[in-house]
Amino acid sequence: MSFERKKAIFEEYDKELESHGVRLSDLINAARDASEVTLLKSKLVCNGFVDITFSDVTDKRGLIGTIIQAQKKK
């Protein structure tokens, strides 16, 4: 295998690795824990919201988001 071909393979690998790093950073930044959910729920209650629900959104890779539903008291 030529040097140029090896270089192209490593450059492609480097791009793929960078892409995975970005995806991991996005997942870390979007992650939430139980204390954050509790804090958000408390803030919603303090601002007059009721019937608060949190639902996970998943795909084949796992958790990708959260749907938050609440109603404002009249």
N, C-alpha and C. Protein backbone atom coordinates (compact mmCIF):
# COMPACT_ATOMS: atom_id res chain seq x y z
N MET A 1 0.84 -1.17 0.00
CA MET A 1 0.00 0.00 0.00
C MET A 1 0.89 1.24 0.00
N SER A 2 0.53 2.19 -0.82
CA SER A 2 1.36 3.40 -0.94
C SER A 2 1.21 4.31 0.28
N PHE A 3 2.20 5.16 0.42
CA PHE A 3 2.18 6.12 1.50
C PHE A 3 0.96 7.03 1.39
N GLU A 4 0.64 7.48 0.18
CA GLU A 4 -0.51 8.36 -0.03
C GLU A 4 -1.81 7.69 0.39
N ARG A 5 -1.95 6.41 0.08
CA ARG A 5 -3.15 5.67 0.44
C ARG A 5 -3.26 5.53 1.96
N LYS A 6 -2.14 5.22 2.62
CA LYS A 6 -2.13 5.13 4.08
C LYS A 6 -2.49 6.47 4.71
N LYS A 7 -1.94 7.55 4.13
CA LYS A 7 -2.23 8.88 4.63
C LYS A 7 -3.72 9.20 4.50
N ALA A 8 -4.32 8.85 3.37
CA ALA A 8 -5.75 9.09 3.15
C ALA A 8 -6.59 8.30 4.15
N ILE A 9 -6.20 7.07 4.42
CA ILE A 9 -6.93 6.23 5.38
C ILE A 9 -6.86 6.86 6.78
N PHE A 10 -5.68 7.30 7.18
CA PHE A 10 -5.53 7.92 8.51
C PHE A 10 -6.29 9.24 8.60
N GLU A 11 -6.32 10.01 7.52
CA GLU A 11 -7.06 11.26 7.52
C GLU A 11 -8.56 10.99 7.68
N GLU A 12 -9.06 9.97 7.01
CA GLU A 12 -10.47 9.59 7.12
C GLU A 12 -10.77 9.10 8.55
N TYR A 13 -9.87 8.30 9.10
CA TYR A 13 -10.03 7.83 10.47
C TYR A 13 -10.05 9.01 11.44
N ASP A 14 -9.18 9.98 11.22
CA ASP A 14 -9.11 11.17 12.08
C ASP A 14 -10.43 11.95 12.03
N LYS A 15 -11.00 12.11 10.85
CA LYS A 15 -12.29 12.81 10.71
C LYS A 15 -13.39 12.05 11.45
N GLU A 16 -13.40 10.74 11.32
CA GLU A 16 -14.41 9.92 11.98
C GLU A 16 -14.26 10.02 13.50
N LEU A 17 -13.05 9.97 13.98
CA LEU A 17 -12.79 10.08 15.41
C LEU A 17 -13.24 11.43 15.94
N GLU A 18 -12.97 12.49 15.20
CA GLU A 18 -13.41 13.82 15.60
C GLU A 18 -14.94 13.90 15.65
N SER A 19 -15.59 13.30 14.68
CA SER A 19 -17.05 13.27 14.64
C SER A 19 -17.62 12.56 15.86
N HIS A 20 -17.01 11.45 16.24
CA HIS A 20 -17.46 10.73 17.44
C HIS A 20 -17.25 11.56 18.69
N GLY A 21 -16.15 12.30 18.73
CA GLY A 21 -15.88 13.18 19.88
C GLY A 21 -16.93 14.27 20.01
N VAL A 22 -17.32 14.85 18.88
CA VAL A 22 -18.35 15.88 18.89
C VAL A 22 -19.67 15.29 19.37
N ARG A 23 -20.01 14.11 18.88
CA ARG A 23 -21.26 13.44 19.29
C ARG A 23 -21.23 13.16 20.80
N LEU A 24 -20.13 12.69 21.32
CA LEU A 24 -20.01 12.43 22.74
C LEU A 24 -20.14 13.71 23.55
N SER A 25 -19.53 14.78 23.09
CA SER A 25 -19.66 16.07 23.79
C SER A 25 -21.10 16.54 23.81
N ASP A 26 -21.80 16.37 22.69
CA ASP A 26 -23.22 16.73 22.63
C ASP A 26 -24.03 15.93 23.64
N LEU A 27 -23.76 14.64 23.72
CA LEU A 27 -24.48 13.79 24.67
C LEU A 27 -24.20 14.19 26.11
N ILE A 28 -22.95 14.49 26.40
CA ILE A 28 -22.59 14.90 27.76
C ILE A 28 -23.28 16.22 28.11
N ASN A 29 -23.27 17.17 27.17
CA ASN A 29 -23.90 18.46 27.42
C ASN A 29 -25.41 18.35 27.58
N ALA A 30 -26.01 17.38 26.92
CA ALA A 30 -27.47 17.22 26.99
C ALA A 30 -27.91 16.34 28.15
N ALA A 31 -26.96 15.69 28.79
CA ALA A 31 -27.32 14.76 29.86
C ALA A 31 -27.96 15.49 31.03
N ARG A 32 -28.86 14.81 31.66
CA ARG A 32 -29.49 15.36 32.85
C ARG A 32 -29.50 14.30 33.93
N ASP A 33 -29.50 14.74 35.15
CA ASP A 33 -29.59 13.78 36.24
C ASP A 33 -30.85 14.06 37.06
N ALA A 34 -31.10 13.21 38.02
CA ALA A 34 -32.33 13.31 38.81
C ALA A 34 -32.44 14.65 39.52
N SER A 35 -31.34 15.19 40.00
CA SER A 35 -31.41 16.47 40.73
C SER A 35 -31.80 17.61 39.80
N GLU A 36 -31.35 17.57 38.56
CA GLU A 36 -31.73 18.60 37.60
C GLU A 36 -33.21 18.52 37.26
N VAL A 37 -33.73 17.31 37.13
CA VAL A 37 -35.15 17.13 36.85
C VAL A 37 -35.98 17.65 38.02
N THR A 38 -35.56 17.33 39.24
CA THR A 38 -36.26 17.79 40.43
C THR A 38 -36.23 19.32 40.51
N LEU A 39 -35.09 19.91 40.23
CA LEU A 39 -34.97 21.37 40.26
C LEU A 39 -35.86 22.02 39.21
N LEU A 40 -35.87 21.48 38.01
CA LEU A 40 -36.72 22.03 36.95
C LEU A 40 -38.20 21.92 37.33
N LYS A 41 -38.59 20.78 37.88
CA LYS A 41 -39.98 20.59 38.29
C LYS A 41 -40.35 21.60 39.37
N SER A 42 -39.47 21.83 40.32
CA SER A 42 -39.72 22.82 41.38
C SER A 42 -39.90 24.22 40.80
N LYS A 43 -39.06 24.57 39.83
CA LYS A 43 -39.16 25.88 39.19
C LYS A 43 -40.48 26.03 38.45
N LEU A 44 -40.90 24.97 37.79
CA LEU A 44 -42.18 25.01 37.08
C LEU A 44 -43.34 25.19 38.06
N VAL A 45 -43.32 24.44 39.16
CA VAL A 45 -44.36 24.55 40.18
C VAL A 45 -44.39 25.97 40.75
N CYS A 46 -43.24 26.53 41.04
CA CYS A 46 -43.16 27.89 41.59
C CYS A 46 -43.69 28.94 40.62
N ASN A 47 -43.68 28.62 39.35
CA ASN A 47 -44.18 29.54 38.33
C ASN A 47 -45.60 29.22 37.88
N GLY A 48 -46.30 28.39 38.68
CA GLY A 48 -47.71 28.17 38.44
C GLY A 48 -48.07 27.06 37.47
N PHE A 49 -47.15 26.12 37.23
CA PHE A 49 -47.45 25.01 36.34
C PHE A 49 -47.92 23.79 37.13
N VAL A 50 -48.81 23.01 36.52
CA VAL A 50 -49.33 21.78 37.13
C VAL A 50 -49.28 20.66 36.10
N ASP A 51 -49.61 19.45 36.54
CA ASP A 51 -49.61 18.28 35.64
C ASP A 51 -48.30 18.18 34.85
N ILE A 52 -47.19 18.23 35.57
CA ILE A 52 -45.86 18.22 34.94
C ILE A 52 -45.42 16.78 34.70
N THR A 53 -45.04 16.49 33.47
CA THR A 53 -44.54 15.15 33.14
C THR A 53 -43.26 15.26 32.32
N PHE A 54 -42.41 14.30 32.52
CA PHE A 54 -41.16 14.18 31.77
C PHE A 54 -41.18 12.83 31.06
N SER A 55 -40.96 12.81 29.76
CA SER A 55 -40.93 11.57 28.99
C SER A 55 -39.64 11.50 28.19
N ASP A 56 -38.96 10.37 28.29
CA ASP A 56 -37.72 10.18 27.53
C ASP A 56 -38.02 9.94 26.06
N VAL A 57 -37.15 10.46 25.20
CA VAL A 57 -37.21 10.20 23.76
C VAL A 57 -35.98 9.37 23.43
N THR A 58 -36.20 8.21 22.84
CA THR A 58 -35.09 7.31 22.53
C THR A 58 -35.11 6.92 21.06
N ASP A 59 -33.98 6.48 20.59
CA ASP A 59 -33.88 5.83 19.29
C ASP A 59 -33.01 4.60 19.47
N LYS A 60 -32.57 4.01 18.39
CA LYS A 60 -31.81 2.77 18.50
C LYS A 60 -30.49 2.94 19.25
N ARG A 61 -30.01 4.19 19.37
CA ARG A 61 -28.76 4.44 20.08
C ARG A 61 -28.98 4.71 21.56
N GLY A 62 -30.24 4.91 21.96
CA GLY A 62 -30.52 5.19 23.37
C GLY A 62 -31.24 6.51 23.54
N LEU A 63 -31.08 7.10 24.71
CA LEU A 63 -31.75 8.36 25.06
C LEU A 63 -31.22 9.49 24.19
N ILE A 64 -32.14 10.23 23.55
CA ILE A 64 -31.72 11.36 22.72
C ILE A 64 -32.38 12.67 23.14
N GLY A 65 -33.31 12.61 24.08
CA GLY A 65 -33.96 13.84 24.52
C GLY A 65 -35.03 13.58 25.54
N THR A 66 -35.67 14.66 25.93
CA THR A 66 -36.75 14.58 26.91
C THR A 66 -37.88 15.50 26.49
N ILE A 67 -39.08 15.00 26.59
CA ILE A 67 -40.27 15.83 26.36
C ILE A 67 -40.79 16.26 27.72
N ILE A 68 -40.96 17.55 27.90
CA ILE A 68 -41.48 18.09 29.15
C ILE A 68 -42.85 18.70 28.85
N GLN A 69 -43.85 18.23 29.59
CA GLN A 69 -45.20 18.76 29.40
C GLN A 69 -45.69 19.31 30.72
N ALA A 70 -46.37 20.45 30.67
CA ALA A 70 -46.93 21.06 31.87
C ALA A 70 -48.05 22.00 31.45
N GLN A 71 -48.94 22.22 32.37
CA GLN A 71 -50.03 23.16 32.11
C GLN A 71 -49.94 24.30 33.10
N LYS A 72 -50.20 25.50 32.61
CA LYS A 72 -50.19 26.69 33.46
C LYS A 72 -51.52 26.78 34.19
N LYS A 73 -51.47 26.98 35.52
CA LYS A 73 -52.70 27.17 36.30
C LYS A 73 -53.40 28.43 35.84
N LYS A 74 -54.73 28.37 35.84
CA LYS A 74 -55.50 29.56 35.44
C LYS A 74 -55.76 30.46 36.60
